[in-house]
Amino acid sequence: MSQRIKPTEAELEILQILWEQGPSTVRAVNERLRERREVGYTTTLKLMQIMAEKGLVDRDTSQRTHVYRAAVGEEETQRALLRRFMDVAFRGSATRLVMQLLGGGQTTPEELQAIKEMIERAERREGEKGDGGRE
């Protein structure tokens, strides 16, 4: 499934709006986009039609005004995009990616604590796998 999740930057912007506000008309999405930058209604319409063809959104055509909803989940999309980015930019190395992120010096103490907790959970899961789930 993640192989088909390849939104462009503009498509990702639309998906973020749909994830945030739920099923929406083209007009509603266009209004949100226009809060950030100048974009025409027909441009938004065309993008959303292309996204429907790609399977990124579903379109309810039962009423005069079509309503679109995200057909892919936010976390699923993030994982697919991150995997693709990691493969291309870091030759598939999660270590290189994390080292680059942490080396930038912009990580807050709260974020570092959350990362430590995630690592500890991952280590516990791996430990459970290693002993066949016995404690």
N, C-alpha and C. Protein backbone atom coordinates (compact mmCIF):
# COMPACT_ATOMS: atom_id res chain seq x y z
N MET A 1 0.82 -1.20 0.00
CA MET A 1 0.00 0.00 0.00
C MET A 1 0.86 1.26 0.00
N SER A 2 1.96 1.26 0.78
CA SER A 2 2.76 2.47 0.86
C SER A 2 3.42 2.82 -0.47
N GLN A 3 3.53 1.85 -1.38
CA GLN A 3 4.12 2.14 -2.69
C GLN A 3 3.27 3.12 -3.47
N ARG A 4 1.97 3.13 -3.24
CA ARG A 4 1.11 4.02 -4.01
C ARG A 4 0.97 5.41 -3.37
N ILE A 5 1.47 5.57 -2.16
CA ILE A 5 1.35 6.86 -1.48
C ILE A 5 2.54 7.72 -1.87
N LYS A 6 2.35 8.52 -2.91
CA LYS A 6 3.41 9.41 -3.37
C LYS A 6 2.84 10.78 -3.71
N PRO A 7 2.29 11.46 -2.71
CA PRO A 7 1.71 12.78 -3.00
C PRO A 7 2.80 13.81 -3.28
N THR A 8 2.47 14.73 -4.16
CA THR A 8 3.35 15.88 -4.39
C THR A 8 3.22 16.81 -3.19
N GLU A 9 4.02 17.85 -3.17
CA GLU A 9 3.94 18.82 -2.06
C GLU A 9 2.55 19.46 -2.00
N ALA A 10 2.00 19.84 -3.16
CA ALA A 10 0.67 20.46 -3.20
C ALA A 10 -0.40 19.47 -2.76
N GLU A 11 -0.28 18.22 -3.17
CA GLU A 11 -1.25 17.20 -2.77
C GLU A 11 -1.16 16.94 -1.27
N LEU A 12 0.03 16.94 -0.73
CA LEU A 12 0.21 16.73 0.70
C LEU A 12 -0.43 17.87 1.49
N GLU A 13 -0.34 19.07 0.98
CA GLU A 13 -0.97 20.22 1.62
C GLU A 13 -2.49 20.03 1.69
N ILE A 14 -3.07 19.52 0.61
CA ILE A 14 -4.52 19.25 0.58
C ILE A 14 -4.86 18.12 1.54
N LEU A 15 -4.06 17.05 1.55
CA LEU A 15 -4.31 15.94 2.47
C LEU A 15 -4.28 16.44 3.92
N GLN A 16 -3.35 17.31 4.25
CA GLN A 16 -3.26 17.83 5.62
C GLN A 16 -4.53 18.57 6.00
N ILE A 17 -5.10 19.30 5.06
CA ILE A 17 -6.37 20.00 5.33
C ILE A 17 -7.48 18.99 5.55
N LEU A 18 -7.55 17.96 4.72
CA LEU A 18 -8.61 16.94 4.87
C LEU A 18 -8.44 16.15 6.15
N TRP A 19 -7.21 15.84 6.55
CA TRP A 19 -6.99 15.15 7.82
C TRP A 19 -7.43 16.01 8.98
N GLU A 20 -7.19 17.30 8.88
CA GLU A 20 -7.52 18.21 9.97
C GLU A 20 -9.01 18.49 10.08
N GLN A 21 -9.66 18.79 8.95
CA GLN A 21 -11.06 19.20 9.03
C GLN A 21 -12.04 18.14 8.54
N GLY A 22 -11.55 17.01 8.07
CA GLY A 22 -12.44 15.94 7.64
C GLY A 22 -12.98 16.19 6.24
N PRO A 23 -13.96 15.37 5.83
CA PRO A 23 -14.52 15.49 4.47
C PRO A 23 -14.93 16.94 4.16
N SER A 24 -14.52 17.39 2.97
CA SER A 24 -14.70 18.80 2.61
C SER A 24 -14.96 18.96 1.13
N THR A 25 -15.59 20.06 0.79
CA THR A 25 -15.79 20.42 -0.61
C THR A 25 -14.50 21.07 -1.14
N VAL A 26 -14.42 21.16 -2.46
CA VAL A 26 -13.27 21.83 -3.07
C VAL A 26 -13.20 23.27 -2.59
N ARG A 27 -14.34 23.92 -2.51
CA ARG A 27 -14.37 25.31 -2.08
C ARG A 27 -13.79 25.46 -0.67
N ALA A 28 -14.18 24.57 0.24
CA ALA A 28 -13.68 24.65 1.62
C ALA A 28 -12.16 24.44 1.65
N VAL A 29 -11.67 23.48 0.88
CA VAL A 29 -10.23 23.23 0.82
C VAL A 29 -9.52 24.44 0.23
N ASN A 30 -10.09 24.98 -0.85
CA ASN A 30 -9.49 26.14 -1.51
C ASN A 30 -9.40 27.34 -0.56
N GLU A 31 -10.42 27.54 0.25
CA GLU A 31 -10.41 28.65 1.21
C GLU A 31 -9.27 28.48 2.21
N ARG A 32 -9.06 27.27 2.67
CA ARG A 32 -7.96 27.01 3.62
C ARG A 32 -6.61 27.22 2.96
N LEU A 33 -6.48 26.77 1.70
CA LEU A 33 -5.22 26.96 0.98
C LEU A 33 -4.93 28.45 0.80
N ARG A 34 -5.98 29.22 0.52
CA ARG A 34 -5.82 30.66 0.27
C ARG A 34 -5.40 31.42 1.53
N GLU A 35 -5.57 30.82 2.70
CA GLU A 35 -5.08 31.45 3.93
C GLU A 35 -3.56 31.49 3.94
N ARG A 36 -2.94 30.58 3.19
CA ARG A 36 -1.48 30.46 3.16
C ARG A 36 -0.86 31.09 1.93
N ARG A 37 -1.56 30.99 0.79
CA ARG A 37 -1.01 31.48 -0.47
C ARG A 37 -2.13 31.66 -1.48
N GLU A 38 -1.84 32.37 -2.55
CA GLU A 38 -2.83 32.60 -3.61
C GLU A 38 -2.94 31.34 -4.46
N VAL A 39 -4.14 30.80 -4.53
CA VAL A 39 -4.39 29.61 -5.36
C VAL A 39 -5.82 29.69 -5.88
N GLY A 40 -5.98 29.42 -7.15
CA GLY A 40 -7.30 29.50 -7.77
C GLY A 40 -8.15 28.27 -7.50
N TYR A 41 -9.46 28.47 -7.52
CA TYR A 41 -10.40 27.37 -7.29
C TYR A 41 -10.19 26.26 -8.31
N THR A 42 -10.03 26.61 -9.58
CA THR A 42 -9.89 25.57 -10.61
C THR A 42 -8.59 24.78 -10.43
N THR A 43 -7.55 25.42 -9.92
CA THR A 43 -6.30 24.70 -9.63
C THR A 43 -6.54 23.67 -8.53
N THR A 44 -7.23 24.08 -7.48
CA THR A 44 -7.53 23.17 -6.38
C THR A 44 -8.42 22.03 -6.87
N LEU A 45 -9.42 22.35 -7.68
CA LEU A 45 -10.31 21.33 -8.23
C LEU A 45 -9.52 20.31 -9.04
N LYS A 46 -8.66 20.77 -9.93
CA LYS A 46 -7.88 19.87 -10.77
C LYS A 46 -6.97 18.99 -9.93
N LEU A 47 -6.31 19.58 -8.94
CA LEU A 47 -5.45 18.80 -8.05
C LEU A 47 -6.23 17.69 -7.35
N MET A 48 -7.41 18.04 -6.85
CA MET A 48 -8.21 17.06 -6.12
C MET A 48 -8.74 15.98 -7.05
N GLN A 49 -9.03 16.31 -8.30
CA GLN A 49 -9.44 15.31 -9.28
C GLN A 49 -8.29 14.34 -9.56
N ILE A 50 -7.10 14.88 -9.71
CA ILE A 50 -5.91 14.04 -9.92
C ILE A 50 -5.68 13.14 -8.70
N MET A 51 -5.85 13.71 -7.51
CA MET A 51 -5.67 12.94 -6.29
C MET A 51 -6.68 11.79 -6.21
N ALA A 52 -7.89 12.02 -6.69
CA ALA A 52 -8.90 10.95 -6.71
C ALA A 52 -8.46 9.84 -7.67
N GLU A 53 -7.92 10.22 -8.82
CA GLU A 53 -7.43 9.22 -9.78
C GLU A 53 -6.27 8.41 -9.19
N LYS A 54 -5.44 9.05 -8.38
CA LYS A 54 -4.29 8.39 -7.76
C LYS A 54 -4.70 7.55 -6.55
N GLY A 55 -5.92 7.71 -6.08
CA GLY A 55 -6.36 6.98 -4.90
C GLY A 55 -6.00 7.64 -3.59
N LEU A 56 -5.59 8.90 -3.63
CA LEU A 56 -5.24 9.62 -2.41
C LEU A 56 -6.47 10.16 -1.69
N VAL A 57 -7.52 10.47 -2.45
CA VAL A 57 -8.78 10.94 -1.88
C VAL A 57 -9.93 10.16 -2.50
N ASP A 58 -11.02 10.10 -1.77
CA ASP A 58 -12.28 9.56 -2.28
C ASP A 58 -13.22 10.72 -2.49
N ARG A 59 -14.10 10.57 -3.48
CA ARG A 59 -15.03 11.65 -3.82
C ARG A 59 -16.45 11.11 -3.71
N ASP A 60 -17.28 11.80 -2.93
CA ASP A 60 -18.70 11.47 -2.82
C ASP A 60 -19.45 12.34 -3.83
N THR A 61 -19.98 11.69 -4.86
CA THR A 61 -20.66 12.42 -5.94
C THR A 61 -22.18 12.31 -5.83
N SER A 62 -22.66 11.88 -4.67
CA SER A 62 -24.10 11.66 -4.52
C SER A 62 -24.90 12.97 -4.46
N GLN A 63 -24.22 14.07 -4.18
CA GLN A 63 -24.89 15.36 -4.15
C GLN A 63 -24.29 16.28 -5.21
N ARG A 64 -24.94 17.38 -5.44
CA ARG A 64 -24.47 18.33 -6.46
C ARG A 64 -23.05 18.81 -6.18
N THR A 65 -22.78 19.15 -4.93
CA THR A 65 -21.44 19.56 -4.52
C THR A 65 -20.68 18.33 -4.05
N HIS A 66 -19.60 18.00 -4.75
CA HIS A 66 -18.82 16.82 -4.40
C HIS A 66 -18.04 17.06 -3.11
N VAL A 67 -17.99 16.02 -2.31
CA VAL A 67 -17.27 16.09 -1.04
C VAL A 67 -16.11 15.10 -1.12
N TYR A 68 -14.94 15.57 -0.77
CA TYR A 68 -13.73 14.75 -0.81
C TYR A 68 -13.29 14.41 0.61
N ARG A 69 -12.73 13.23 0.75
CA ARG A 69 -12.13 12.82 2.02
C ARG A 69 -10.82 12.11 1.74
N ALA A 70 -9.90 12.19 2.67
CA ALA A 70 -8.61 11.52 2.51
C ALA A 70 -8.84 10.01 2.44
N ALA A 71 -8.23 9.37 1.45
CA ALA A 71 -8.35 7.92 1.30
C ALA A 71 -7.14 7.21 1.89
N VAL A 72 -6.17 7.98 2.33
CA VAL A 72 -4.97 7.44 2.97
C VAL A 72 -4.83 8.09 4.34
N GLY A 73 -4.33 7.32 5.28
CA GLY A 73 -4.16 7.83 6.63
C GLY A 73 -2.94 8.72 6.77
N GLU A 74 -2.99 9.59 7.75
CA GLU A 74 -1.88 10.52 7.97
C GLU A 74 -0.61 9.78 8.36
N GLU A 75 -0.70 8.88 9.33
CA GLU A 75 0.50 8.16 9.78
C GLU A 75 1.04 7.25 8.68
N GLU A 76 0.15 6.59 7.97
CA GLU A 76 0.56 5.73 6.86
C GLU A 76 1.32 6.55 5.80
N THR A 77 0.82 7.72 5.50
CA THR A 77 1.45 8.60 4.52
C THR A 77 2.80 9.09 5.03
N GLN A 78 2.85 9.48 6.30
CA GLN A 78 4.12 9.93 6.88
C GLN A 78 5.17 8.82 6.82
N ARG A 79 4.76 7.59 7.15
CA ARG A 79 5.70 6.47 7.11
C ARG A 79 6.22 6.24 5.69
N ALA A 80 5.32 6.29 4.70
CA ALA A 80 5.72 6.06 3.31
C ALA A 80 6.66 7.16 2.83
N LEU A 81 6.33 8.42 3.15
CA LEU A 81 7.18 9.53 2.74
C LEU A 81 8.54 9.48 3.43
N LEU A 82 8.53 9.16 4.72
CA LEU A 82 9.78 9.08 5.46
C LEU A 82 10.65 7.95 4.92
N ARG A 83 10.04 6.81 4.65
CA ARG A 83 10.79 5.67 4.10
C ARG A 83 11.43 6.07 2.76
N ARG A 84 10.66 6.72 1.91
CA ARG A 84 11.18 7.14 0.60
C ARG A 84 12.32 8.15 0.78
N PHE A 85 12.12 9.13 1.67
CA PHE A 85 13.15 10.13 1.94
C PHE A 85 14.41 9.47 2.50
N MET A 86 14.23 8.56 3.45
CA MET A 86 15.37 7.88 4.07
C MET A 86 16.13 7.06 3.02
N ASP A 87 15.41 6.38 2.14
CA ASP A 87 16.05 5.60 1.10
C ASP A 87 16.86 6.48 0.16
N VAL A 88 16.29 7.61 -0.23
CA VAL A 88 16.94 8.49 -1.21
C VAL A 88 18.06 9.32 -0.58
N ALA A 89 17.78 9.97 0.53
CA ALA A 89 18.73 10.91 1.11
C ALA A 89 19.77 10.26 2.02
N PHE A 90 19.40 9.14 2.66
CA PHE A 90 20.29 8.53 3.65
C PHE A 90 20.63 7.08 3.33
N ARG A 91 20.44 6.71 2.07
CA ARG A 91 20.75 5.35 1.60
C ARG A 91 20.13 4.28 2.47
N GLY A 92 18.92 4.56 2.96
CA GLY A 92 18.18 3.58 3.74
C GLY A 92 18.58 3.47 5.20
N SER A 93 19.47 4.32 5.66
CA SER A 93 19.98 4.23 7.02
C SER A 93 19.18 5.09 7.98
N ALA A 94 18.44 4.44 8.88
CA ALA A 94 17.71 5.17 9.91
C ALA A 94 18.69 5.86 10.86
N THR A 95 19.83 5.24 11.10
CA THR A 95 20.84 5.82 11.99
C THR A 95 21.33 7.16 11.45
N ARG A 96 21.64 7.20 10.15
CA ARG A 96 22.11 8.45 9.56
C ARG A 96 21.04 9.53 9.64
N LEU A 97 19.80 9.14 9.40
CA LEU A 97 18.69 10.10 9.47
C LEU A 97 18.57 10.68 10.88
N VAL A 98 18.55 9.82 11.88
CA VAL A 98 18.40 10.26 13.27
C VAL A 98 19.60 11.10 13.71
N MET A 99 20.79 10.68 13.32
CA MET A 99 21.98 11.44 13.69
C MET A 99 21.93 12.85 13.08
N GLN A 100 21.46 12.95 11.86
CA GLN A 100 21.34 14.27 11.22
C GLN A 100 20.31 15.13 11.95
N LEU A 101 19.18 14.51 12.30
CA LEU A 101 18.13 15.25 13.02
C LEU A 101 18.61 15.73 14.37
N LEU A 102 19.24 14.85 15.12
CA LEU A 102 19.69 15.21 16.47
C LEU A 102 20.90 16.12 16.44
N GLY A 103 21.71 16.01 15.42
CA GLY A 103 22.92 16.83 15.31
C GLY A 103 22.63 18.28 14.99
N GLY A 104 21.41 18.58 14.58
CA GLY A 104 21.06 19.95 14.22
C GLY A 104 20.91 20.87 15.41
N GLY A 105 20.82 20.31 16.61
CA GLY A 105 20.76 21.12 17.82
C GLY A 105 19.43 21.82 18.05
N GLN A 106 18.40 21.45 17.35
CA GLN A 106 17.11 22.11 17.52
C GLN A 106 16.09 21.23 18.23
N THR A 107 16.56 20.17 18.86
CA THR A 107 15.68 19.26 19.57
C THR A 107 15.47 19.77 20.99
N THR A 108 14.21 19.89 21.40
CA THR A 108 13.90 20.37 22.75
C THR A 108 14.12 19.25 23.77
N PRO A 109 14.29 19.58 25.03
CA PRO A 109 14.42 18.55 26.07
C PRO A 109 13.20 17.61 26.09
N GLU A 110 12.02 18.15 25.84
CA GLU A 110 10.81 17.33 25.82
C GLU A 110 10.85 16.33 24.67
N GLU A 111 11.31 16.80 23.51
CA GLU A 111 11.42 15.91 22.36
C GLU A 111 12.47 14.82 22.61
N LEU A 112 13.59 15.19 23.21
CA LEU A 112 14.62 14.20 23.54
C LEU A 112 14.09 13.15 24.50
N GLN A 113 13.30 13.58 25.49
CA GLN A 113 12.73 12.63 26.44
C GLN A 113 11.77 11.68 25.73
N ALA A 114 10.95 12.22 24.84
CA ALA A 114 10.01 11.38 24.08
C ALA A 114 10.76 10.38 23.21
N ILE A 115 11.87 10.81 22.61
CA ILE A 115 12.70 9.91 21.79
C ILE A 115 13.29 8.80 22.65
N LYS A 116 13.79 9.15 23.84
CA LYS A 116 14.34 8.15 24.76
C LYS A 116 13.28 7.11 25.12
N GLU A 117 12.07 7.58 25.40
CA GLU A 117 10.98 6.66 25.76
C GLU A 117 10.63 5.74 24.60
N MET A 118 10.64 6.27 23.37
CA MET A 118 10.37 5.44 22.19
C MET A 118 11.44 4.36 22.02
N ILE A 119 12.69 4.75 22.25
CA ILE A 119 13.79 3.79 22.14
C ILE A 119 13.63 2.70 23.18
N GLU A 120 13.29 3.08 24.40
CA GLU A 120 13.11 2.10 25.47
C GLU A 120 11.97 1.13 25.14
N ARG A 121 10.86 1.64 24.59
CA ARG A 121 9.74 0.76 24.20
C ARG A 121 10.16 -0.19 23.09
N ALA A 122 10.92 0.33 22.12
CA ALA A 122 11.39 -0.52 21.02
C ALA A 122 12.32 -1.60 21.54
N GLU A 123 13.19 -1.25 22.48
CA GLU A 123 14.11 -2.23 23.06
C GLU A 123 13.34 -3.31 23.82
N ARG A 124 12.29 -2.92 24.56
CA ARG A 124 11.48 -3.90 25.28
C ARG A 124 10.79 -4.85 24.31
N ARG A 125 10.24 -4.29 23.20
CA ARG A 125 9.58 -5.14 22.20
C ARG A 125 10.56 -6.15 21.61
N GLU A 126 11.77 -5.68 21.28
CA GLU A 126 12.79 -6.56 20.72
C GLU A 126 13.19 -7.63 21.74
N GLY A 127 13.28 -7.24 23.01
CA GLY A 127 13.61 -8.20 24.06
C GLY A 127 12.54 -9.27 24.20
N GLU A 128 11.28 -8.87 24.07
CA GLU A 128 10.17 -9.84 24.15
C GLU A 128 10.21 -10.80 22.97
N LYS A 129 10.58 -10.31 21.80
CA LYS A 129 10.70 -11.17 20.63
C LYS A 129 11.82 -12.20 20.83
N GLY A 130 12.92 -11.72 21.42
CA GLY A 130 14.09 -12.56 21.59
C GLY A 130 13.87 -13.71 22.56
N ASP A 131 13.00 -13.54 23.56
CA ASP A 131 12.77 -14.62 24.51
C ASP A 131 11.47 -15.34 24.26
N GLY A 132 10.92 -15.16 23.07
CA GLY A 132 9.70 -15.85 22.71
C GLY A 132 8.49 -15.34 23.45
N GLY A 133 8.60 -14.14 24.02
CA GLY A 133 7.47 -13.56 24.74
C GLY A 133 7.44 -13.95 26.20
N ARG A 134 8.44 -14.75 26.67
CA ARG A 134 8.49 -15.15 28.10
C ARG A 134 9.02 -14.02 28.96
N GLU A 135 8.58 -14.00 30.19
CA GLU A 135 9.10 -12.98 31.13
C GLU A 135 9.80 -13.65 32.25
